[in-house]
Amino acid sequence: MIKAEGGRRKAEEIRSPVTGHRSRLVAAAAFAAIAMAGCDYFGFTPVKDIVATPGQFDGKEVKIKGKAADPVQVLTLKTFSVKQDGAEITVSTDGALPSAGADVAVKGVVKSAVIVGGKSLGLHVKEAQRLK
């Protein structure tokens, strides 16, 4: 708002109720974005993408989810498969093995023994954290 004082014009700050709500909305959205970034239930990589292009994921941390299958323990080596939308990948773990058919979510690093011509031998995810 502009006010005339003594022949001079002076700008006066106006507090709008809309501006106050807008700044609270922006703050709430920023808080939600930060909170979701720290949440481990977003940003999953489709298993079929890892299997189709293992070279792009080798050595990278991914989050995958699906149904657990084929849990196996041989001495200290524990593995299970994660099946999702017709694709399957092996997960090696130091933790407890999930039951076959259980819903699982895993964060870990993609590993391959060898990648030849875009095909991976020994493709698996080394589990760092069980998310579900």
C-alpha atoms as a PDB file:
ATOM      1  CA  MET A   1       0.000   0.000   0.000  1.00  0.00           C
ATOM      2  CA  ILE A   2       1.284   3.453  -0.824  1.00  0.00           C
ATOM      3  CA  LYS A   3       0.566   6.323   1.583  1.00  0.00           C
ATOM      4  CA  ALA A   4       1.131   9.961   0.983  1.00  0.00           C
ATOM      5  CA  GLU A   5       2.801  11.696   3.911  1.00  0.00           C
ATOM      6  CA  GLY A   6       3.611  15.338   3.686  1.00  0.00           C
ATOM      7  CA  GLY A   7       3.590  15.317  -0.101  1.00  0.00           C
ATOM      8  CA  ARG A   8       5.932  12.353  -0.241  1.00  0.00           C
ATOM      9  CA  ARG A   9       4.936   8.851  -1.071  1.00  0.00           C
ATOM     10  CA  LYS A  10       6.073   6.075   1.221  1.00  0.00           C
ATOM     11  CA  ALA A  11       5.760   2.339   0.761  1.00  0.00           C
ATOM     12  CA  GLU A  12       4.311   0.535   3.716  1.00  0.00           C
ATOM     13  CA  GLU A  13       4.603  -3.198   4.201  1.00  0.00           C
ATOM     14  CA  ILE A  14       1.288  -4.973   4.219  1.00  0.00           C
ATOM     15  CA  ARG A  15       0.847  -8.350   5.827  1.00  0.00           C
ATOM     16  CA  SER A  16      -1.581 -10.342   3.803  1.00  0.00           C
ATOM     17  CA  PRO A  17      -3.310 -13.316   5.393  1.00  0.00           C
ATOM     18  CA  VAL A  18      -2.743 -15.151   2.083  1.00  0.00           C
ATOM     19  CA  THR A  19       1.027 -14.553   2.240  1.00  0.00           C
ATOM     20  CA  GLY A  20       1.170 -16.009   5.744  1.00  0.00           C
ATOM     21  CA  HIS A  21      -0.669 -19.135   4.642  1.00  0.00           C
ATOM     22  CA  ARG A  22       1.465 -19.438   1.533  1.00  0.00           C
ATOM     23  CA  SER A  23       4.696 -19.353   3.525  1.00  0.00           C
ATOM     24  CA  ARG A  24       3.340 -22.010   5.896  1.00  0.00           C
ATOM     25  CA  LEU A  25       2.324 -24.144   2.922  1.00  0.00           C
ATOM     26  CA  VAL A  26       5.808 -23.817   1.392  1.00  0.00           C
ATOM     27  CA  ALA A  27       7.399 -24.715   4.738  1.00  0.00           C
ATOM     28  CA  ALA A  28       5.110 -27.742   5.116  1.00  0.00           C
ATOM     29  CA  ALA A  29       5.894 -28.915   1.559  1.00  0.00           C
ATOM     30  CA  ALA A  30       9.630 -28.534   2.180  1.00  0.00           C
ATOM     31  CA  PHE A  31       9.349 -30.501   5.430  1.00  0.00           C
ATOM     32  CA  ALA A  32       7.375 -33.264   3.682  1.00  0.00           C
ATOM     33  CA  ALA A  33       9.961 -33.484   0.883  1.00  0.00           C
ATOM     34  CA  ILE A  34      12.812 -33.782   3.384  1.00  0.00           C
ATOM     35  CA  ALA A  35      10.937 -36.371   5.430  1.00  0.00           C
ATOM     36  CA  MET A  36      10.131 -38.456   2.348  1.00  0.00           C
ATOM     37  CA  ALA A  37      13.725 -38.273   1.141  1.00  0.00           C
ATOM     38  CA  GLY A  38      14.799 -39.943   4.368  1.00  0.00           C
ATOM     39  CA  CYS A  39      12.119 -42.608   4.099  1.00  0.00           C
ATOM     40  CA  ASP A  40      13.178 -45.944   2.697  1.00  0.00           C
ATOM     41  CA  TYR A  41       9.850 -46.763   1.060  1.00  0.00           C
ATOM     42  CA  PHE A  42      10.307 -44.595  -2.040  1.00  0.00           C
ATOM     43  CA  GLY A  43      12.559 -44.859  -5.075  1.00  0.00           C
ATOM     44  CA  PHE A  44      12.538 -48.599  -5.724  1.00  0.00           C
ATOM     45  CA  THR A  45      14.320 -49.911  -8.813  1.00  0.00           C
ATOM     46  CA  PRO A  46      12.335 -52.446 -10.846  1.00  0.00           C
ATOM     47  CA  VAL A  47      14.019 -55.868 -10.709  1.00  0.00           C
ATOM     48  CA  LYS A  48      13.493 -56.264 -14.469  1.00  0.00           C
ATOM     49  CA  ASP A  49      15.630 -53.141 -15.087  1.00  0.00           C
ATOM     50  CA  ILE A  50      18.535 -54.566 -13.075  1.00  0.00           C
ATOM     51  CA  VAL A  51      18.303 -57.935 -14.827  1.00  0.00           C
ATOM     52  CA  ALA A  52      17.986 -56.339 -18.293  1.00  0.00           C
ATOM     53  CA  THR A  53      20.964 -53.962 -17.903  1.00  0.00           C
ATOM     54  CA  PRO A  54      23.187 -55.277 -15.109  1.00  0.00           C
ATOM     55  CA  GLY A  55      26.199 -53.208 -16.205  1.00  0.00           C
ATOM     56  CA  GLN A  56      24.357 -49.979 -15.398  1.00  0.00           C
ATOM     57  CA  PHE A  57      23.715 -51.123 -11.844  1.00  0.00           C
ATOM     58  CA  ASP A  58      26.891 -53.061 -11.001  1.00  0.00           C
ATOM     59  CA  GLY A  59      28.404 -51.656  -7.801  1.00  0.00           C
ATOM     60  CA  LYS A  60      25.473 -49.293  -7.225  1.00  0.00           C
ATOM     61  CA  GLU A  61      23.112 -49.222  -4.274  1.00  0.00           C
ATOM     62  CA  VAL A  62      19.502 -50.017  -5.149  1.00  0.00           C
ATOM     63  CA  LYS A  63      16.236 -50.624  -3.365  1.00  0.00           C
ATOM     64  CA  ILE A  64      14.103 -53.502  -4.602  1.00  0.00           C
ATOM     65  CA  LYS A  65      10.842 -55.025  -3.458  1.00  0.00           C
ATOM     66  CA  GLY A  66       8.760 -58.046  -4.323  1.00  0.00           C
ATOM     67  CA  LYS A  67       7.935 -61.550  -3.139  1.00  0.00           C
ATOM     68  CA  ALA A  68      10.596 -63.653  -1.455  1.00  0.00           C
ATOM     69  CA  ALA A  69      11.286 -67.056  -2.987  1.00  0.00           C
ATOM     70  CA  ASP A  70      13.746 -69.931  -2.631  1.00  0.00           C
ATOM     71  CA  PRO A  71      15.350 -69.120   0.738  1.00  0.00           C
ATOM     72  CA  VAL A  72      18.531 -71.194   1.087  1.00  0.00           C
ATOM     73  CA  GLN A  73      21.199 -71.457   3.761  1.00  0.00           C
ATOM     74  CA  VAL A  74      24.434 -73.385   3.212  1.00  0.00           C
ATOM     75  CA  LEU A  75      26.714 -73.057   6.226  1.00  0.00           C
ATOM     76  CA  THR A  76      26.976 -69.261   6.653  1.00  0.00           C
ATOM     77  CA  LEU A  77      25.853 -68.342   3.114  1.00  0.00           C
ATOM     78  CA  LYS A  78      22.206 -67.237   3.048  1.00  0.00           C
ATOM     79  CA  THR A  79      20.355 -66.307  -0.143  1.00  0.00           C
ATOM     80  CA  PHE A  80      16.816 -65.811  -1.348  1.00  0.00           C
ATOM     81  CA  SER A  81      15.233 -64.523  -4.539  1.00  0.00           C
ATOM     82  CA  VAL A  82      13.072 -61.463  -5.001  1.00  0.00           C
ATOM     83  CA  LYS A  83      10.409 -61.884  -7.676  1.00  0.00           C
ATOM     84  CA  GLN A  84       8.672 -58.858  -9.139  1.00  0.00           C
ATOM     85  CA  ASP A  85       6.577 -58.586 -12.314  1.00  0.00           C
ATOM     86  CA  GLY A  86       8.027 -61.736 -13.880  1.00  0.00           C
ATOM     87  CA  ALA A  87      11.665 -60.838 -13.115  1.00  0.00           C
ATOM     88  CA  GLU A  88      13.807 -62.408 -10.424  1.00  0.00           C
ATOM     89  CA  ILE A  89      17.083 -61.557  -8.719  1.00  0.00           C
ATOM     90  CA  THR A  90      19.066 -63.303  -5.995  1.00  0.00           C
ATOM     91  CA  VAL A  91      19.749 -61.507  -2.718  1.00  0.00           C
ATOM     92  CA  SER A  92      22.579 -62.538  -0.391  1.00  0.00           C
ATOM     93  CA  THR A  93      22.104 -61.658   3.248  1.00  0.00           C
ATOM     94  CA  ASP A  94      23.720 -61.860   6.653  1.00  0.00           C
ATOM     95  CA  GLY A  95      20.310 -61.419   8.277  1.00  0.00           C
ATOM     96  CA  ALA A  96      17.369 -63.740   8.756  1.00  0.00           C
ATOM     97  CA  LEU A  97      15.930 -65.433   5.692  1.00  0.00           C
ATOM     98  CA  PRO A  98      12.372 -64.413   4.828  1.00  0.00           C
ATOM     99  CA  SER A  99       9.660 -67.012   4.352  1.00  0.00           C
ATOM    100  CA  ALA A 100       8.864 -67.988   0.776  1.00  0.00           C
ATOM    101  CA  GLY A 101       6.016 -65.802  -0.501  1.00  0.00           C
ATOM    102  CA  ALA A 102       6.624 -63.011   2.029  1.00  0.00           C
ATOM    103  CA  ASP A 103       6.604 -59.415   0.820  1.00  0.00           C
ATOM    104  CA  VAL A 104      10.138 -58.049   1.125  1.00  0.00           C
ATOM    105  CA  ALA A 105      11.929 -54.777   0.470  1.00  0.00           C
ATOM    106  CA  VAL A 106      15.718 -54.655   0.435  1.00  0.00           C
ATOM    107  CA  LYS A 107      18.391 -52.002   0.109  1.00  0.00           C
ATOM    108  CA  GLY A 108      21.740 -53.300  -1.136  1.00  0.00           C
ATOM    109  CA  VAL A 109      24.524 -53.202  -3.710  1.00  0.00           C
ATOM    110  CA  VAL A 110      24.254 -54.925  -7.087  1.00  0.00           C
ATOM    111  CA  LYS A 111      27.121 -57.346  -7.705  1.00  0.00           C
ATOM    112  CA  SER A 112      28.089 -59.443 -10.699  1.00  0.00           C
ATOM    113  CA  ALA A 113      30.871 -62.009 -10.916  1.00  0.00           C
ATOM    114  CA  VAL A 114      31.317 -61.294 -14.635  1.00  0.00           C
ATOM    115  CA  ILE A 115      29.465 -59.256 -17.261  1.00  0.00           C
ATOM    116  CA  VAL A 116      30.039 -60.525 -20.808  1.00  0.00           C
ATOM    117  CA  GLY A 117      28.265 -58.959 -23.770  1.00  0.00           C
ATOM    118  CA  GLY A 118      25.772 -57.262 -21.468  1.00  0.00           C
ATOM    119  CA  LYS A 119      24.883 -60.568 -19.789  1.00  0.00           C
ATOM    120  CA  SER A 120      25.699 -61.038 -16.122  1.00  0.00           C
ATOM    121  CA  LEU A 121      26.944 -64.178 -14.445  1.00  0.00           C
ATOM    122  CA  GLY A 122      26.442 -64.314 -10.703  1.00  0.00           C
ATOM    123  CA  LEU A 123      24.115 -61.283 -10.628  1.00  0.00           C
ATOM    124  CA  HIS A 124      22.833 -60.631  -7.107  1.00  0.00           C
ATOM    125  CA  VAL A 125      22.121 -57.898  -4.587  1.00  0.00           C
ATOM    126  CA  LYS A 126      24.215 -57.909  -1.407  1.00  0.00           C
ATOM    127  CA  GLU A 127      21.708 -56.832   1.238  1.00  0.00           C
ATOM    128  CA  ALA A 128      22.721 -53.861   3.388  1.00  0.00           C
ATOM    129  CA  GLN A 129      19.324 -53.297   5.018  1.00  0.00           C
ATOM    130  CA  ARG A 130      15.958 -55.050   5.111  1.00  0.00           C
ATOM    131  CA  LEU A 131      13.288 -52.426   4.633  1.00  0.00           C
ATOM    132  CA  LYS A 132      10.326 -54.787   4.985  1.00  0.00           C
END
